[in-house]
Protein backbone atom coordinates (compact mmCIF):
# COMPACT_ATOMS: atom_id res chain seq x y z
CA UNK A 1 -33.12 -19.79 66.86
CA UNK A 2 -36.07 -18.79 68.97
CA UNK A 3 -39.25 -18.11 67.06
CA UNK A 4 -39.77 -14.36 67.52
CA UNK A 5 -36.44 -13.20 66.03
CA UNK A 6 -37.03 -15.59 63.13
CA UNK A 7 -40.44 -14.04 62.49
CA UNK A 8 -38.90 -10.59 62.29
CA UNK A 9 -35.81 -11.62 60.34
CA UNK A 10 -37.76 -13.37 57.58
CA UNK A 11 -40.11 -10.40 57.32
CA UNK A 12 -37.14 -8.04 56.92
CA UNK A 13 -35.46 -10.41 54.47
CA UNK A 14 -38.54 -10.58 52.26
CA UNK A 15 -39.06 -6.81 52.43
CA UNK A 16 -35.45 -6.11 51.45
CA UNK A 17 -35.39 -8.69 48.68
CA UNK A 18 -38.73 -7.48 47.34
CA UNK A 19 -37.39 -3.92 47.22
CA UNK A 20 -34.24 -5.14 45.46
CA UNK A 21 -36.47 -6.92 42.93
CA UNK A 22 -38.39 -3.73 42.15
CA UNK A 23 -35.17 -1.74 41.84
CA UNK A 24 -34.11 -4.19 39.15
CA UNK A 25 -37.53 -4.10 37.53
CA UNK A 26 -37.39 -0.31 37.46
CA UNK A 27 -34.04 -0.47 35.68
CA UNK A 28 -35.40 -2.82 33.04
CA UNK A 29 -38.75 -1.07 32.61
CA UNK A 30 -37.48 2.50 32.99
CA UNK A 31 -39.35 3.75 36.05
CA UNK A 32 -38.01 5.30 39.24
CA UNK A 33 -34.73 6.65 37.84
CA UNK A 34 -34.53 9.51 40.34
CA UNK A 35 -35.46 7.33 43.31
CA UNK A 36 -33.49 4.16 42.48
CA UNK A 37 -30.52 5.03 44.67
CA UNK A 38 -32.60 5.62 47.84
CA UNK A 39 -34.62 2.48 47.05
CA UNK A 40 -31.43 0.42 46.83
CA UNK A 41 -30.17 2.03 50.03
CA UNK A 42 -33.42 1.08 51.76
CA UNK A 43 -33.11 -2.51 50.52
CA UNK A 44 -29.54 -2.66 51.82
CA UNK A 45 -30.46 -1.30 55.26
CA UNK A 46 -33.38 -3.72 55.62
CA UNK A 47 -31.30 -6.73 54.54
CA UNK A 48 -28.48 -5.84 56.93
CA UNK A 49 -31.05 -5.44 59.72
CA UNK A 50 -32.35 -8.91 58.85
CA UNK A 51 -28.88 -10.40 59.22
CA UNK A 52 -28.38 -8.62 62.56
CA UNK A 53 -31.68 -9.99 63.88
CA UNK A 54 -30.71 -13.45 62.60
CA UNK A 55 -27.40 -13.34 64.50
CA UNK A 56 -29.20 -12.15 67.64
CA UNK A 57 -31.69 -15.00 67.27
CA UNK A 58 -28.99 -17.64 66.96
CA UNK A 59 -27.13 -16.20 69.92
CA UNK A 60 -23.74 -15.48 68.31
CA UNK A 61 -22.08 -14.87 64.93
CA UNK A 62 -20.37 -18.27 65.23
CA UNK A 63 -23.75 -20.03 65.49
CA UNK A 64 -25.04 -18.15 62.45
CA UNK A 65 -21.92 -19.07 60.46
CA UNK A 66 -22.41 -22.71 61.46
CA UNK A 67 -25.89 -22.54 59.94
CA UNK A 68 -24.46 -20.95 56.79
CA UNK A 69 -22.05 -23.87 56.33
CA UNK A 70 -25.08 -26.06 55.77
CA UNK A 71 -25.26 -24.69 52.20
CA UNK A 72 -23.15 -27.67 51.07
CA UNK A 73 -25.97 -29.96 52.25
CA UNK A 74 -28.59 -27.79 50.53
CA UNK A 75 -30.12 -26.90 53.89
CA UNK A 76 -33.17 -24.68 53.42
CA UNK A 77 -32.21 -22.37 56.29
CA UNK A 78 -28.64 -22.08 54.96
CA UNK A 79 -29.77 -21.35 51.40
CA UNK A 80 -32.10 -18.63 52.65
CA UNK A 81 -29.31 -16.99 54.64
CA UNK A 82 -26.97 -17.22 51.64
CA UNK A 83 -29.50 -15.44 49.42
CA UNK A 84 -29.84 -12.68 52.02
CA UNK A 85 -26.06 -12.22 51.98
CA UNK A 86 -26.09 -12.18 48.17
CA UNK A 87 -28.81 -9.54 48.32
CA UNK A 88 -26.59 -7.36 50.52
CA UNK A 89 -23.61 -7.75 48.17
CA UNK A 90 -25.75 -7.08 45.11
CA UNK A 91 -27.28 -3.95 46.65
CA UNK A 92 -23.81 -2.60 47.47
CA UNK A 93 -22.52 -3.30 43.94
CA UNK A 94 -25.66 -1.82 42.37
CA UNK A 95 -25.33 1.32 44.49
CA UNK A 96 -21.69 1.68 43.48
CA UNK A 97 -22.64 1.37 39.82
CA UNK A 98 -25.35 4.00 40.27
CA UNK A 99 -22.84 6.37 41.85
CA UNK A 100 -20.24 5.90 39.15
CA UNK A 101 -22.65 6.25 36.25
CA UNK A 102 -22.17 2.75 34.83
CA UNK A 103 -23.26 1.99 31.28
CA UNK A 104 -26.82 1.01 30.46
CA UNK A 105 -25.75 -2.53 29.59
CA UNK A 106 -23.96 -3.02 32.90
CA UNK A 107 -26.94 -1.66 34.84
CA UNK A 108 -29.36 -3.98 33.02
CA UNK A 109 -27.10 -6.95 33.78
CA UNK A 110 -27.02 -6.13 37.49
CA UNK A 111 -30.77 -5.48 37.37
CA UNK A 112 -31.32 -9.00 36.00
CA UNK A 113 -29.36 -10.38 38.95
CA UNK A 114 -31.47 -8.25 41.30
CA UNK A 115 -34.64 -9.74 39.82
CA UNK A 116 -33.31 -13.27 40.26
CA UNK A 117 -31.90 -12.85 43.77
CA UNK A 118 -34.95 -10.91 44.94
CA UNK A 119 -37.49 -13.47 43.74
CA UNK A 120 -35.56 -16.66 44.48
CA UNK A 121 -34.41 -15.40 47.88
CA UNK A 122 -37.97 -14.60 48.95
CA UNK A 123 -39.11 -18.03 47.72
CA UNK A 124 -36.35 -19.75 49.70
CA UNK A 125 -37.26 -17.77 52.83
CA UNK A 126 -40.62 -19.55 52.79
CA UNK A 127 -39.47 -22.85 51.30
CA UNK A 128 -37.25 -23.56 54.32
CA UNK A 129 -40.43 -24.37 56.24
CA UNK A 130 -41.80 -26.94 53.78
CA UNK A 131 -41.17 -29.98 55.97
CA UNK A 132 -42.81 -33.38 55.65
CA UNK A 133 -43.16 -33.74 59.43
CA UNK A 134 -45.13 -30.48 59.69
CA UNK A 135 -48.34 -31.04 57.67
CA UNK A 136 -49.55 -27.44 58.08
CA UNK A 137 -46.37 -26.20 56.38
CA UNK A 138 -45.84 -29.02 53.88
CA UNK A 139 -47.15 -27.25 50.78
CA UNK A 140 -45.71 -25.22 47.91
CA UNK A 141 -48.30 -22.55 48.74
CA UNK A 142 -46.26 -21.45 51.77
CA UNK A 143 -43.19 -20.25 49.80
CA UNK A 144 -45.59 -18.74 47.25
CA UNK A 145 -47.19 -16.69 50.05
CA UNK A 146 -43.76 -15.56 51.21
CA UNK A 147 -42.71 -14.63 47.67
CA UNK A 148 -45.88 -12.69 46.89
CA UNK A 149 -45.83 -10.89 50.24
CA UNK A 150 -42.18 -9.96 49.59
CA UNK A 151 -43.02 -8.50 46.20
CA UNK A 152 -46.04 -6.68 47.63
CA UNK A 153 -43.93 -5.10 50.37
CA UNK A 154 -41.10 -4.34 47.95
CA UNK A 155 -43.41 -2.76 45.39
CA UNK A 156 -45.24 -0.66 47.96
CA UNK A 157 -41.98 0.45 49.62
CA UNK A 158 -40.41 1.31 46.26
CA UNK A 159 -43.43 3.39 45.27
CA UNK A 160 -43.43 5.07 48.70
CA UNK A 161 -39.79 6.07 48.19
CA UNK A 162 -40.63 7.33 44.70
CA UNK A 163 -43.36 9.53 46.18
CA UNK A 164 -41.12 10.86 48.96
CA UNK A 165 -38.35 11.52 46.43
CA UNK A 166 -40.76 13.52 44.26
CA UNK A 167 -40.57 10.87 41.54
CA UNK A 168 -44.27 10.02 41.62
CA UNK A 169 -44.88 10.68 37.91
CA UNK A 170 -43.64 7.19 37.02
CA UNK A 171 -45.39 5.24 39.78
CA UNK A 172 -48.28 3.99 37.63
CA UNK A 173 -46.43 0.97 36.27
CA UNK A 174 -45.01 -0.31 39.60
CA UNK A 175 -48.37 0.39 41.28
CA UNK A 176 -50.15 -1.79 38.71
CA UNK A 177 -47.60 -4.58 39.20
CA UNK A 178 -47.95 -4.29 42.98
CA UNK A 179 -51.76 -4.46 42.71
CA UNK A 180 -51.53 -7.65 40.65
CA UNK A 181 -49.13 -9.16 43.19
CA UNK A 182 -51.46 -8.32 46.10
CA UNK A 183 -54.38 -10.00 44.31
CA UNK A 184 -52.23 -13.09 43.72
CA UNK A 185 -51.20 -13.03 47.37
CA UNK A 186 -54.84 -12.99 48.44
CA UNK A 187 -55.53 -16.07 46.29
CA UNK A 188 -52.46 -17.87 47.66
CA UNK A 189 -53.49 -17.15 51.26
CA UNK A 190 -56.94 -18.60 50.64
CA UNK A 191 -55.31 -21.63 49.03
CA UNK A 192 -53.01 -22.05 52.02
CA UNK A 193 -55.98 -21.85 54.39
CA UNK A 194 -57.68 -24.57 52.32
CA UNK A 195 -54.55 -26.73 52.61
CA UNK A 196 -54.74 -26.50 56.40
CA UNK A 197 -58.40 -27.55 56.32
CA UNK A 198 -59.51 -23.99 57.04
CA UNK A 199 -57.86 -24.17 60.45
CA UNK A 200 -57.75 -20.42 60.70
CA UNK A 201 -57.19 -20.14 64.44
CA UNK A 202 -56.36 -17.68 65.79
CA UNK A 203 -58.76 -15.65 63.72
CA UNK A 204 -57.22 -12.20 64.39
CA UNK A 205 -53.90 -13.08 62.76
CA UNK A 206 -55.49 -14.59 59.67
CA UNK A 207 -57.92 -11.69 59.56
CA UNK A 208 -55.12 -9.12 59.48
CA UNK A 209 -53.11 -11.14 56.95
CA UNK A 210 -56.06 -11.31 54.55
CA UNK A 211 -58.16 -8.23 55.29
CA UNK A 212 -55.40 -5.72 56.02
CA UNK A 213 -52.42 -7.30 54.25
CA UNK A 214 -54.36 -7.90 51.02
CA UNK A 215 -57.78 -6.25 50.82
CA UNK A 216 -56.97 -2.91 52.47
CA UNK A 217 -53.50 -2.89 50.88
CA UNK A 218 -55.06 -3.40 47.45
CA UNK A 219 -57.52 -0.55 48.05
CA UNK A 220 -54.64 1.73 49.04
CA UNK A 221 -52.56 0.76 46.00
CA UNK A 222 -55.46 1.41 43.62
CA UNK A 223 -56.26 4.70 45.34
CA UNK A 224 -52.58 5.68 45.08
CA UNK A 225 -53.04 5.93 41.31
CA UNK A 226 -54.94 9.13 42.12
CA UNK A 227 -53.44 10.04 45.49
CA UNK A 228 -49.81 8.77 45.43
CA UNK A 229 -49.23 9.32 49.16
CA UNK A 230 -51.64 6.47 49.97
CA UNK A 231 -49.05 3.95 48.82
CA UNK A 232 -47.27 4.53 52.14
CA UNK A 233 -50.35 3.13 53.90
CA UNK A 234 -50.28 0.21 51.45
CA UNK A 235 -46.72 -0.59 52.51
CA UNK A 236 -47.66 -0.57 56.19
CA UNK A 237 -50.59 -2.87 55.42
CA UNK A 238 -48.48 -5.38 53.47
CA UNK A 239 -45.87 -5.43 56.25
CA UNK A 240 -48.55 -6.00 58.90
CA UNK A 241 -50.08 -8.74 56.76
CA UNK A 242 -46.71 -10.41 56.29
CA UNK A 243 -46.03 -10.45 60.01
CA UNK A 244 -49.46 -11.88 60.80
CA UNK A 245 -49.04 -14.56 58.14
CA UNK A 246 -45.85 -15.70 59.88
CA UNK A 247 -47.52 -15.75 63.30
CA UNK A 248 -50.56 -17.62 61.96
CA UNK A 249 -48.49 -20.32 60.21
CA UNK A 250 -46.51 -20.92 63.39
CA UNK A 251 -49.66 -21.14 65.47
CA UNK A 252 -50.75 -23.92 63.12
CA UNK A 253 -47.78 -25.92 64.42
CA UNK A 254 -48.27 -27.26 67.95
CA UNK A 255 -44.63 -26.73 68.97
CA UNK A 256 -45.08 -22.97 68.70
CA UNK A 257 -47.07 -22.83 71.94
CA UNK A 258 -44.22 -24.61 73.74
CA UNK A 259 -41.72 -22.17 72.21
CA UNK A 260 -43.70 -19.15 73.40
CA UNK A 261 -43.98 -20.67 76.88
CA UNK A 262 -40.24 -21.42 77.02
CA UNK A 263 -39.25 -17.93 75.87
CA UNK A 264 -41.73 -16.17 78.16
CA UNK A 265 -40.41 -18.26 81.07
CA UNK A 266 -36.87 -17.05 80.44
CA UNK A 267 -35.62 -20.32 78.95
CA UNK A 268 -33.26 -19.35 76.15
CA UNK A 269 -31.91 -21.32 73.22
CA UNK A 270 -35.19 -23.10 72.48
CA UNK A 271 -35.75 -23.01 68.76
CA UNK A 272 -37.10 -24.84 65.77
């Protein structure tokens, strides 16, 4: 797969899985009852979009299926794709249960699965890059950054949907969780920068990932406790930060420059 579709697909995957996680958390903790169905629908749409971008990146459905078969070898890319597919299935089942008024016990059970798939899938999306032959990526901090960014995007998107669905009275709890996640994400990003020896070139991408994706996003989340509509800005900030994190980590790997040159020159099929 060429690099640019992979950047977008992993961002969409993490956003969808993070939203699925918060839908499950809302079920367990009792917030967002009125907005859970649109939140699940949003997670489903984003995850399906991620799979579409993945197929486009690999060039054909057959190529994507070939990657998926690598699950038997515990391939990181294959496991990540499998978790995305599980997220789609789980969102569909959860939506069906919501529509049919399933029992509280059944909903909590499916919510527990949503928590697991959402968190583990986001972790695996980042863990596929932990490779011994790529020192800048060979750290557990990378999947942690992916996981925390996924939860930040998912929490902010869930709260945004709650506000738009006029369900803002119960946003305090998910906003507090989202704020804590954004703080943890800021710490993880600093740790990842330390792992790379503070090789923060190019500065603009790291600057957006940290300043906008964490600092500004945190300010918007905290302010949303008083002005709920500001959580929409927080979501946009976390998404921008997540994209810039992915660009920055790839710029830390020398092959990325060759990939960009190959793609911009019209040479297709060059991938990682």
